[in-house]
């Protein structure tokens, strides 16, 4: 491994210089709002404030799946939160999510608005609210929730670890890339071994575990995340690829993958979604994300 200059951590760390990298302008060691900005409110019961990242897409896929299943009360407005511009630090957004991360959801269907933040919590809330995509039998439910929380605990190693150092860090650090590539491949092997035995992540049925894991690990093996498919040897994970391709055949997955998306082929983008007809009026040929 290449030698690097020795870094000696100070006794007390202080924030006295920009961290560098793609997201340096929005990184800071404190919480709370930086400016006043109210969130817009549409006409549907569910108001989603998000961006078409893997964590954001989890929610729009599930909402589209619920609508496809006939749950009309799952109609939603999806408002774009531009994290590069710091929208997540506006006072209105921080009131919904004090952690200033997308996605954030407000359910206005009851007498008082209910806020839900953290993507795993939103998936669980919606699945329980509509009684769909989560097993009722106790053992199957436990399996589903175990994989849901596996994703919640594992993805930071993929995104904040591998993705950051491989794609976004201001310099390539061999130790960091090796460390997080190893962990990412281990996680893919966990999934591949599981999917060698089952059709879907939690068993024979499609659940919120699949919805949670797909935009991270499905996109990764398809080469859509960090452009790293070849680098991580995606072809070796044949069961994950089979599962990802099966999900990509679902119309709701295709639609949900487009919402709040601001990059890639213009035909794959729907910056905001306020009605089902929005998919039709923009273009007649909507597709899932392309490499």
C-alpha atoms as a PDB file:
ATOM      1  CA  UNK A   1       0.000   0.000   0.000  1.00  0.00           C
ATOM      2  CA  UNK A   2       1.274   3.469  -0.861  1.00  0.00           C
ATOM      3  CA  UNK A   3       2.713   5.455   2.022  1.00  0.00           C
ATOM      4  CA  UNK A   4       0.939   8.621   3.130  1.00  0.00           C
ATOM      5  CA  UNK A   5       1.983  11.465   5.369  1.00  0.00           C
ATOM      6  CA  UNK A   6       1.295  10.752   9.014  1.00  0.00           C
ATOM      7  CA  UNK A   7      -1.700  12.532  10.484  1.00  0.00           C
ATOM      8  CA  UNK A   8      -1.771  13.112  14.219  1.00  0.00           C
ATOM      9  CA  UNK A   9      -5.280  13.911  15.466  1.00  0.00           C
ATOM     10  CA  UNK A  10      -5.436  17.007  17.698  1.00  0.00           C
ATOM     11  CA  UNK A  11      -6.456  16.678  21.323  1.00  0.00           C
ATOM     12  CA  UNK A  12      -9.723  18.471  20.528  1.00  0.00           C
ATOM     13  CA  UNK A  13     -11.023  18.537  16.952  1.00  0.00           C
ATOM     14  CA  UNK A  14     -12.283  21.872  15.659  1.00  0.00           C
ATOM     15  CA  UNK A  15     -13.973  22.803  12.402  1.00  0.00           C
ATOM     16  CA  UNK A  16     -11.532  25.285  10.913  1.00  0.00           C
ATOM     17  CA  UNK A  17     -11.363  24.348   7.233  1.00  0.00           C
ATOM     18  CA  UNK A  18     -13.511  22.977   4.443  1.00  0.00           C
ATOM     19  CA  UNK A  19     -13.571  19.200   4.256  1.00  0.00           C
ATOM     20  CA  UNK A  20     -13.249  19.133   0.473  1.00  0.00           C
ATOM     21  CA  UNK A  21     -15.032  16.832  -1.923  1.00  0.00           C
ATOM     22  CA  UNK A  22     -18.338  17.088  -3.724  1.00  0.00           C
ATOM     23  CA  UNK A  23     -20.461  17.860  -0.669  1.00  0.00           C
ATOM     24  CA  UNK A  24     -18.059  20.173   1.184  1.00  0.00           C
ATOM     25  CA  UNK A  25     -20.396  23.145   0.863  1.00  0.00           C
ATOM     26  CA  UNK A  26     -23.153  21.487   2.910  1.00  0.00           C
ATOM     27  CA  UNK A  27     -21.096  19.572   5.450  1.00  0.00           C
ATOM     28  CA  UNK A  28     -21.031  21.050   8.939  1.00  0.00           C
ATOM     29  CA  UNK A  29     -20.676  19.705  12.493  1.00  0.00           C
ATOM     30  CA  UNK A  30     -23.850  21.320  13.858  1.00  0.00           C
ATOM     31  CA  UNK A  31     -27.576  20.784  13.368  1.00  0.00           C
ATOM     32  CA  UNK A  32     -30.511  23.157  13.033  1.00  0.00           C
ATOM     33  CA  UNK A  33     -31.793  25.469  10.294  1.00  0.00           C
ATOM     34  CA  UNK A  34     -29.614  27.948   8.423  1.00  0.00           C
ATOM     35  CA  UNK A  35     -32.481  29.942   6.919  1.00  0.00           C
ATOM     36  CA  UNK A  36     -36.236  30.413   7.014  1.00  0.00           C
ATOM     37  CA  UNK A  37     -38.145  28.556   4.333  1.00  0.00           C
ATOM     38  CA  UNK A  38     -41.567  27.024   4.660  1.00  0.00           C
ATOM     39  CA  UNK A  39     -42.370  23.740   2.953  1.00  0.00           C
ATOM     40  CA  UNK A  40     -45.036  23.683   0.242  1.00  0.00           C
ATOM     41  CA  UNK A  41     -48.189  21.646   0.830  1.00  0.00           C
ATOM     42  CA  UNK A  42     -50.102  19.960  -1.971  1.00  0.00           C
ATOM     43  CA  UNK A  43     -53.600  18.520  -2.124  1.00  0.00           C
ATOM     44  CA  UNK A  44     -52.899  14.896  -1.210  1.00  0.00           C
ATOM     45  CA  UNK A  45     -52.844  13.317   2.267  1.00  0.00           C
ATOM     46  CA  UNK A  46     -49.164  12.389   1.978  1.00  0.00           C
ATOM     47  CA  UNK A  47     -46.543  15.088   1.444  1.00  0.00           C
ATOM     48  CA  UNK A  48     -43.069  13.835   0.579  1.00  0.00           C
ATOM     49  CA  UNK A  49     -40.012  16.092   0.625  1.00  0.00           C
ATOM     50  CA  UNK A  50     -37.184  14.268  -1.059  1.00  0.00           C
ATOM     51  CA  UNK A  51     -34.627  13.762  -3.804  1.00  0.00           C
ATOM     52  CA  UNK A  52     -34.106  10.839  -6.197  1.00  0.00           C
ATOM     53  CA  UNK A  53     -31.215   9.281  -4.293  1.00  0.00           C
ATOM     54  CA  UNK A  54     -31.372   5.656  -3.148  1.00  0.00           C
ATOM     55  CA  UNK A  55     -32.901   6.673   0.187  1.00  0.00           C
ATOM     56  CA  UNK A  56     -35.465   8.909  -1.479  1.00  0.00           C
ATOM     57  CA  UNK A  57     -36.388   6.383  -4.153  1.00  0.00           C
ATOM     58  CA  UNK A  58     -37.260   3.789  -1.515  1.00  0.00           C
ATOM     59  CA  UNK A  59     -40.295   5.867  -0.556  1.00  0.00           C
ATOM     60  CA  UNK A  60     -41.532   6.742  -4.028  1.00  0.00           C
ATOM     61  CA  UNK A  61     -41.273   3.099  -5.103  1.00  0.00           C
ATOM     62  CA  UNK A  62     -43.373   2.000  -2.126  1.00  0.00           C
ATOM     63  CA  UNK A  63     -45.953   4.732  -2.705  1.00  0.00           C
ATOM     64  CA  UNK A  64     -46.274   3.743  -6.356  1.00  0.00           C
ATOM     65  CA  UNK A  65     -46.576   0.084  -5.331  1.00  0.00           C
ATOM     66  CA  UNK A  66     -49.356   0.969  -2.886  1.00  0.00           C
ATOM     67  CA  UNK A  67     -51.214   2.916  -5.566  1.00  0.00           C
ATOM     68  CA  UNK A  68     -50.814   0.025  -8.007  1.00  0.00           C
ATOM     69  CA  UNK A  69     -52.325  -2.253  -5.375  1.00  0.00           C
ATOM     70  CA  UNK A  70     -55.411  -0.015  -5.239  1.00  0.00           C
ATOM     71  CA  UNK A  71     -54.725   2.068  -2.116  1.00  0.00           C
ATOM     72  CA  UNK A  72     -56.106   5.411  -3.295  1.00  0.00           C
ATOM     73  CA  UNK A  73     -55.220   7.086   0.000  1.00  0.00           C
ATOM     74  CA  UNK A  74     -51.561   6.577  -0.864  1.00  0.00           C
ATOM     75  CA  UNK A  75     -51.777   9.455  -3.362  1.00  0.00           C
ATOM     76  CA  UNK A  76     -48.954  11.854  -2.674  1.00  0.00           C
ATOM     77  CA  UNK A  77     -47.181  15.059  -3.587  1.00  0.00           C
ATOM     78  CA  UNK A  78     -43.422  14.655  -3.999  1.00  0.00           C
ATOM     79  CA  UNK A  79     -41.594  17.955  -3.578  1.00  0.00           C
ATOM     80  CA  UNK A  80     -37.984  18.327  -4.676  1.00  0.00           C
ATOM     81  CA  UNK A  81     -35.419  19.051  -1.960  1.00  0.00           C
ATOM     82  CA  UNK A  82     -32.180  20.228  -3.544  1.00  0.00           C
ATOM     83  CA  UNK A  83     -29.572  19.107  -1.029  1.00  0.00           C
ATOM     84  CA  UNK A  84     -26.758  20.686  -3.045  1.00  0.00           C
ATOM     85  CA  UNK A  85     -28.419  24.069  -2.524  1.00  0.00           C
ATOM     86  CA  UNK A  86     -29.028  23.401   1.173  1.00  0.00           C
ATOM     87  CA  UNK A  87     -32.827  23.078   1.022  1.00  0.00           C
ATOM     88  CA  UNK A  88     -32.634  20.510   3.824  1.00  0.00           C
ATOM     89  CA  UNK A  89     -31.488  23.242   6.211  1.00  0.00           C
ATOM     90  CA  UNK A  90     -34.577  25.399   5.721  1.00  0.00           C
ATOM     91  CA  UNK A  91     -36.656  25.921   8.842  1.00  0.00           C
ATOM     92  CA  UNK A  92     -39.677  24.108   7.445  1.00  0.00           C
ATOM     93  CA  UNK A  93     -37.698  21.007   6.511  1.00  0.00           C
ATOM     94  CA  UNK A  94     -35.822  20.908   9.816  1.00  0.00           C
ATOM     95  CA  UNK A  95     -39.170  21.016  11.618  1.00  0.00           C
ATOM     96  CA  UNK A  96     -40.123  17.808   9.794  1.00  0.00           C
ATOM     97  CA  UNK A  97     -36.699  16.183  10.023  1.00  0.00           C
ATOM     98  CA  UNK A  98     -34.363  17.588  12.694  1.00  0.00           C
ATOM     99  CA  UNK A  99     -31.595  15.473  11.158  1.00  0.00           C
ATOM    100  CA  UNK A 100     -31.773  17.506   7.891  1.00  0.00           C
ATOM    101  CA  UNK A 101     -31.651  14.458   5.617  1.00  0.00           C
ATOM    102  CA  UNK A 102     -34.017  13.368   2.868  1.00  0.00           C
ATOM    103  CA  UNK A 103     -36.546  11.857   2.710  1.00  0.00           C
ATOM    104  CA  UNK A 104     -39.122  13.329   5.067  1.00  0.00           C
ATOM    105  CA  UNK A 105     -42.844  12.615   5.002  1.00  0.00           C
ATOM    106  CA  UNK A 106     -45.862  14.370   6.512  1.00  0.00           C
ATOM    107  CA  UNK A 107     -49.119  12.437   6.776  1.00  0.00           C
ATOM    108  CA  UNK A 108     -51.998  14.924   6.798  1.00  0.00           C
ATOM    109  CA  UNK A 109     -54.786  12.360   6.569  1.00  0.00           C
ATOM    110  CA  UNK A 110     -55.716  12.607  10.268  1.00  0.00           C
ATOM    111  CA  UNK A 111     -56.765  15.390  12.627  1.00  0.00           C
ATOM    112  CA  UNK A 112     -53.149  16.415  13.196  1.00  0.00           C
ATOM    113  CA  UNK A 113     -50.185  16.137  10.824  1.00  0.00           C
ATOM    114  CA  UNK A 114     -47.749  13.316  11.579  1.00  0.00           C
ATOM    115  CA  UNK A 115     -44.102  13.696  10.624  1.00  0.00           C
ATOM    116  CA  UNK A 116     -41.967  10.675   9.792  1.00  0.00           C
ATOM    117  CA  UNK A 117     -38.269  10.865   9.014  1.00  0.00           C
ATOM    118  CA  UNK A 118     -35.558   8.292   8.241  1.00  0.00           C
ATOM    119  CA  UNK A 119     -36.323   6.158   5.197  1.00  0.00           C
ATOM    120  CA  UNK A 120     -36.610   2.878   7.085  1.00  0.00           C
ATOM    121  CA  UNK A 121     -39.133   4.402   9.490  1.00  0.00           C
ATOM    122  CA  UNK A 122     -41.145   5.823   6.589  1.00  0.00           C
ATOM    123  CA  UNK A 123     -41.272   2.430   4.855  1.00  0.00           C
ATOM    124  CA  UNK A 124     -42.437   0.735   8.035  1.00  0.00           C
ATOM    125  CA  UNK A 125     -45.017   3.453   8.747  1.00  0.00           C
ATOM    126  CA  UNK A 126     -46.539   3.221   5.275  1.00  0.00           C
ATOM    127  CA  UNK A 127     -46.535  -0.585   5.228  1.00  0.00           C
ATOM    128  CA  UNK A 128     -48.353  -0.678   8.550  1.00  0.00           C
ATOM    129  CA  UNK A 129     -50.726   2.153   7.648  1.00  0.00           C
ATOM    130  CA  UNK A 130     -51.921   0.389   4.510  1.00  0.00           C
ATOM    131  CA  UNK A 131     -51.391  -3.215   5.654  1.00  0.00           C
ATOM    132  CA  UNK A 132     -49.300  -4.079   2.613  1.00  0.00           C
ATOM    133  CA  UNK A 133     -45.803  -5.309   1.724  1.00  0.00           C
ATOM    134  CA  UNK A 134     -45.135  -6.464   5.282  1.00  0.00           C
ATOM    135  CA  UNK A 135     -46.011  -9.989   6.466  1.00  0.00           C
ATOM    136  CA  UNK A 136     -48.594 -10.506   9.173  1.00  0.00           C
ATOM    137  CA  UNK A 137     -47.305 -13.880  10.406  1.00  0.00           C
ATOM    138  CA  UNK A 138     -44.881 -13.248  13.247  1.00  0.00           C
ATOM    139  CA  UNK A 139     -41.943 -15.241  11.892  1.00  0.00           C
ATOM    140  CA  UNK A 140     -42.198 -13.824   8.390  1.00  0.00           C
ATOM    141  CA  UNK A 141     -42.594 -10.322   9.811  1.00  0.00           C
ATOM    142  CA  UNK A 142     -39.462 -10.758  11.909  1.00  0.00           C
ATOM    143  CA  UNK A 143     -37.528 -11.896   8.823  1.00  0.00           C
ATOM    144  CA  UNK A 144     -38.741  -8.879   6.838  1.00  0.00           C
ATOM    145  CA  UNK A 145     -37.852  -6.406   9.590  1.00  0.00           C
ATOM    146  CA  UNK A 146     -34.461  -8.032  10.105  1.00  0.00           C
ATOM    147  CA  UNK A 147     -33.568  -7.391   6.472  1.00  0.00           C
ATOM    148  CA  UNK A 148     -35.054  -3.898   6.558  1.00  0.00           C
ATOM    149  CA  UNK A 149     -32.827  -2.970   9.466  1.00  0.00           C
ATOM    150  CA  UNK A 150     -29.897  -4.811   7.873  1.00  0.00           C
ATOM    151  CA  UNK A 151     -30.169  -2.283   5.064  1.00  0.00           C
ATOM    152  CA  UNK A 152     -30.452   0.646   7.456  1.00  0.00           C
ATOM    153  CA  UNK A 153     -27.289  -0.462   9.240  1.00  0.00           C
ATOM    154  CA  UNK A 154     -25.328  -1.580   6.181  1.00  0.00           C
ATOM    155  CA  UNK A 155     -25.908   1.146   3.594  1.00  0.00           C
ATOM    156  CA  UNK A 156     -23.799   3.805   5.374  1.00  0.00           C
ATOM    157  CA  UNK A 157     -20.752   1.616   4.675  1.00  0.00           C
ATOM    158  CA  UNK A 158     -21.760   1.539   1.015  1.00  0.00           C
ATOM    159  CA  UNK A 159     -22.703   5.208   0.659  1.00  0.00           C
ATOM    160  CA  UNK A 160     -20.777   7.219   3.207  1.00  0.00           C
ATOM    161  CA  UNK A 161     -17.896   4.767   3.108  1.00  0.00           C
ATOM    162  CA  UNK A 162     -17.334   3.206  -0.313  1.00  0.00           C
ATOM    163  CA  UNK A 163     -19.255   5.758  -2.356  1.00  0.00           C
ATOM    164  CA  UNK A 164     -17.638   8.739  -0.700  1.00  0.00           C
ATOM    165  CA  UNK A 165     -14.054   7.582  -0.943  1.00  0.00           C
ATOM    166  CA  UNK A 166     -14.411   5.956  -4.377  1.00  0.00           C
ATOM    167  CA  UNK A 167     -16.381   8.720  -6.093  1.00  0.00           C
ATOM    168  CA  UNK A 168     -16.527  11.952  -4.090  1.00  0.00           C
ATOM    169  CA  UNK A 169     -13.481  12.414  -1.853  1.00  0.00           C
ATOM    170  CA  UNK A 170     -11.044  15.137  -2.976  1.00  0.00           C
ATOM    171  CA  UNK A 171      -8.254  12.568  -3.158  1.00  0.00           C
ATOM    172  CA  UNK A 172      -8.092   8.810  -3.618  1.00  0.00           C
ATOM    173  CA  UNK A 173      -6.990   7.143  -0.395  1.00  0.00           C
ATOM    174  CA  UNK A 174      -6.001   3.540  -0.996  1.00  0.00           C
ATOM    175  CA  UNK A 175      -6.608   2.356   2.560  1.00  0.00           C
ATOM    176  CA  UNK A 176     -10.113   3.892   2.685  1.00  0.00           C
ATOM    177  CA  UNK A 177     -11.136   2.547  -0.735  1.00  0.00           C
ATOM    178  CA  UNK A 178      -9.784  -0.921   0.064  1.00  0.00           C
ATOM    179  CA  UNK A 179     -11.494  -0.959   3.457  1.00  0.00           C
ATOM    180  CA  UNK A 180     -14.939   0.004   2.199  1.00  0.00           C
ATOM    181  CA  UNK A 181     -14.755  -1.979  -1.042  1.00  0.00           C
ATOM    182  CA  UNK A 182     -14.068  -5.063   1.037  1.00  0.00           C
ATOM    183  CA  UNK A 183     -17.082  -4.359   3.238  1.00  0.00           C
ATOM    184  CA  UNK A 184     -19.327  -3.582   0.264  1.00  0.00           C
ATOM    185  CA  UNK A 185     -18.389  -6.861  -1.398  1.00  0.00           C
ATOM    186  CA  UNK A 186     -19.018  -8.706   1.859  1.00  0.00           C
ATOM    187  CA  UNK A 187     -22.497  -7.192   2.011  1.00  0.00           C
ATOM    188  CA  UNK A 188     -23.170  -8.167  -1.589  1.00  0.00           C
ATOM    189  CA  UNK A 189     -22.097 -11.713  -0.738  1.00  0.00           C
ATOM    190  CA  UNK A 190     -24.565 -11.714   2.169  1.00  0.00           C
ATOM    191  CA  UNK A 191     -27.343 -10.770  -0.240  1.00  0.00           C
ATOM    192  CA  UNK A 192     -26.214 -13.169  -2.957  1.00  0.00           C
ATOM    193  CA  UNK A 193     -26.186 -16.121  -0.576  1.00  0.00           C
ATOM    194  CA  UNK A 194     -29.617 -15.180   0.703  1.00  0.00           C
ATOM    195  CA  UNK A 195     -31.070 -14.766  -2.794  1.00  0.00           C
ATOM    196  CA  UNK A 196     -29.677 -18.143  -3.826  1.00  0.00           C
ATOM    197  CA  UNK A 197     -32.283 -19.595  -1.471  1.00  0.00           C
ATOM    198  CA  UNK A 198     -35.235 -17.230  -1.827  1.00  0.00           C
ATOM    199  CA  UNK A 199     -37.007 -15.360  -4.608  1.00  0.00           C
ATOM    200  CA  UNK A 200     -37.122 -12.134  -2.639  1.00  0.00           C
ATOM    201  CA  UNK A 201     -35.089 -10.845   0.269  1.00  0.00           C
ATOM    202  CA  UNK A 202     -37.487 -11.846   3.050  1.00  0.00           C
ATOM    203  CA  UNK A 203     -38.750 -15.020   1.402  1.00  0.00           C
ATOM    204  CA  UNK A 204     -41.246 -15.840  -1.323  1.00  0.00           C
ATOM    205  CA  UNK A 205     -43.065 -12.509  -1.177  1.00  0.00           C
ATOM    206  CA  UNK A 206     -42.048  -9.009  -2.236  1.00  0.00           C
ATOM    207  CA  UNK A 207     -41.833  -6.737   0.827  1.00  0.00           C
ATOM    208  CA  UNK A 208     -40.477  -3.446   2.103  1.00  0.00           C
ATOM    209  CA  UNK A 209     -37.168  -5.270   2.609  1.00  0.00           C
ATOM    210  CA  UNK A 210     -36.819  -5.482  -1.172  1.00  0.00           C
ATOM    211  CA  UNK A 211     -37.915  -1.870  -1.572  1.00  0.00           C
ATOM    212  CA  UNK A 212     -35.278  -0.726   0.933  1.00  0.00           C
ATOM    213  CA  UNK A 213     -32.390  -2.756  -0.444  1.00  0.00           C
ATOM    214  CA  UNK A 214     -32.988  -2.384  -4.186  1.00  0.00           C
ATOM    215  CA  UNK A 215     -32.019   1.282  -4.739  1.00  0.00           C
ATOM    216  CA  UNK A 216     -28.706   0.700  -3.003  1.00  0.00           C
ATOM    217  CA  UNK A 217     -27.528  -2.780  -3.888  1.00  0.00           C
ATOM    218  CA  UNK A 218     -29.669  -3.340  -6.976  1.00  0.00           C
ATOM    219  CA  UNK A 219     -28.485  -0.093  -8.496  1.00  0.00           C
ATOM    220  CA  UNK A 220     -24.912  -0.933  -7.507  1.00  0.00           C
ATOM    221  CA  UNK A 221     -24.789  -4.262  -9.363  1.00  0.00           C
ATOM    222  CA  UNK A 222     -26.514  -2.690 -12.375  1.00  0.00           C
ATOM    223  CA  UNK A 223     -23.745  -0.097 -12.548  1.00  0.00           C
ATOM    224  CA  UNK A 224     -25.989   2.881 -11.737  1.00  0.00           C
ATOM    225  CA  UNK A 225     -24.439   3.758  -8.367  1.00  0.00           C
ATOM    226  CA  UNK A 226     -21.076   5.563  -8.445  1.00  0.00           C
ATOM    227  CA  UNK A 227     -20.426   3.937 -11.849  1.00  0.00           C
ATOM    228  CA  UNK A 228     -18.791   1.172  -9.826  1.00  0.00           C
ATOM    229  CA  UNK A 229     -20.395  -1.991 -11.184  1.00  0.00           C
ATOM    230  CA  UNK A 230     -17.262  -3.273 -12.890  1.00  0.00           C
ATOM    231  CA  UNK A 231     -14.994  -2.142 -10.066  1.00  0.00           C
ATOM    232  CA  UNK A 232     -16.850  -4.167  -7.423  1.00  0.00           C
ATOM    233  CA  UNK A 233     -17.196  -7.203  -9.720  1.00  0.00           C
ATOM    234  CA  UNK A 234     -20.986  -7.040 -10.043  1.00  0.00           C
ATOM    235  CA  UNK A 235     -21.077  -9.986 -12.468  1.00  0.00           C
ATOM    236  CA  UNK A 236     -20.050 -12.268  -9.610  1.00  0.00           C
ATOM    237  CA  UNK A 237     -23.312 -11.631  -7.759  1.00  0.00           C
ATOM    238  CA  UNK A 238     -25.618 -13.507 -10.096  1.00  0.00           C
ATOM    239  CA  UNK A 239     -28.453 -13.914  -7.609  1.00  0.00           C
ATOM    240  CA  UNK A 240     -28.485 -10.221  -6.749  1.00  0.00           C
ATOM    241  CA  UNK A 241     -28.548  -9.412 -10.473  1.00  0.00           C
ATOM    242  CA  UNK A 242     -31.440 -11.842 -11.045  1.00  0.00           C
ATOM    243  CA  UNK A 243     -33.390 -10.212  -8.217  1.00  0.00           C
ATOM    244  CA  UNK A 244     -32.609  -6.666  -9.399  1.00  0.00           C
ATOM    245  CA  UNK A 245     -33.731  -7.473 -12.942  1.00  0.00           C
ATOM    246  CA  UNK A 246     -36.974  -8.949 -11.620  1.00  0.00           C
ATOM    247  CA  UNK A 247     -37.739  -5.786  -9.656  1.00  0.00           C
ATOM    248  CA  UNK A 248     -36.987  -3.641 -12.675  1.00  0.00           C
ATOM    249  CA  UNK A 249     -39.850  -5.358 -14.479  1.00  0.00           C
ATOM    250  CA  UNK A 250     -42.306  -3.899 -11.970  1.00  0.00           C
ATOM    251  CA  UNK A 251     -44.108  -0.815 -13.299  1.00  0.00           C
ATOM    252  CA  UNK A 252     -44.193   0.789  -9.846  1.00  0.00           C
ATOM    253  CA  UNK A 253     -40.432   0.401  -9.490  1.00  0.00           C
ATOM    254  CA  UNK A 254     -39.937   2.129 -12.838  1.00  0.00           C
ATOM    255  CA  UNK A 255     -42.224   4.997 -11.862  1.00  0.00           C
ATOM    256  CA  UNK A 256     -40.885   5.373  -8.351  1.00  0.00           C
ATOM    257  CA  UNK A 257     -37.302   5.429  -9.617  1.00  0.00           C
ATOM    258  CA  UNK A 258     -38.076   8.548 -11.655  1.00  0.00           C
ATOM    259  CA  UNK A 259     -39.662  10.741  -8.982  1.00  0.00           C
ATOM    260  CA  UNK A 260     -37.506  13.639  -7.703  1.00  0.00           C
ATOM    261  CA  UNK A 261     -34.745  12.440 -10.014  1.00  0.00           C
ATOM    262  CA  UNK A 262     -32.592  15.277 -11.402  1.00  0.00           C
ATOM    263  CA  UNK A 263     -29.792  13.445 -13.195  1.00  0.00           C
ATOM    264  CA  UNK A 264     -29.316  11.015 -16.053  1.00  0.00           C
ATOM    265  CA  UNK A 265     -31.404  10.773 -19.200  1.00  0.00           C
ATOM    266  CA  UNK A 266     -34.119  13.488 -19.184  1.00  0.00           C
ATOM    267  CA  UNK A 267     -36.732  10.847 -20.022  1.00  0.00           C
ATOM    268  CA  UNK A 268     -35.953   9.152 -16.678  1.00  0.00           C
ATOM    269  CA  UNK A 269     -36.577  12.296 -14.644  1.00  0.00           C
ATOM    270  CA  UNK A 270     -39.733  13.557 -12.975  1.00  0.00           C
ATOM    271  CA  UNK A 271     -38.556  16.374 -10.723  1.00  0.00           C
ATOM    272  CA  UNK A 272     -41.829  16.640  -8.810  1.00  0.00           C
ATOM    273  CA  UNK A 273     -44.863  14.418  -8.763  1.00  0.00           C
ATOM    274  CA  UNK A 274     -48.293  15.762  -7.820  1.00  0.00           C
ATOM    275  CA  UNK A 275     -50.580  13.472  -9.800  1.00  0.00           C
ATOM    276  CA  UNK A 276     -50.349  10.102 -11.531  1.00  0.00           C
ATOM    277  CA  UNK A 277     -50.825  11.872 -14.847  1.00  0.00           C
ATOM    278  CA  UNK A 278     -47.468  13.624 -14.379  1.00  0.00           C
ATOM    279  CA  UNK A 279     -45.796  10.485 -15.702  1.00  0.00           C
ATOM    280  CA  UNK A 280     -47.775  10.716 -18.934  1.00  0.00           C
ATOM    281  CA  UNK A 281     -47.631  14.401 -19.677  1.00  0.00           C
ATOM    282  CA  UNK A 282     -43.852  14.710 -19.548  1.00  0.00           C
ATOM    283  CA  UNK A 283     -43.048  11.913 -21.995  1.00  0.00           C
ATOM    284  CA  UNK A 284     -44.698   8.779 -23.275  1.00  0.00           C
ATOM    285  CA  UNK A 285     -41.654   6.611 -22.666  1.00  0.00           C
ATOM    286  CA  UNK A 286     -40.610   6.591 -19.031  1.00  0.00           C
ATOM    287  CA  UNK A 287     -37.808   4.249 -18.154  1.00  0.00           C
ATOM    288  CA  UNK A 288     -35.849   3.187 -15.113  1.00  0.00           C
ATOM    289  CA  UNK A 289     -32.436   4.827 -14.542  1.00  0.00           C
ATOM    290  CA  UNK A 290     -29.885   4.072 -17.249  1.00  0.00           C
ATOM    291  CA  UNK A 291     -26.142   3.881 -16.816  1.00  0.00           C
END
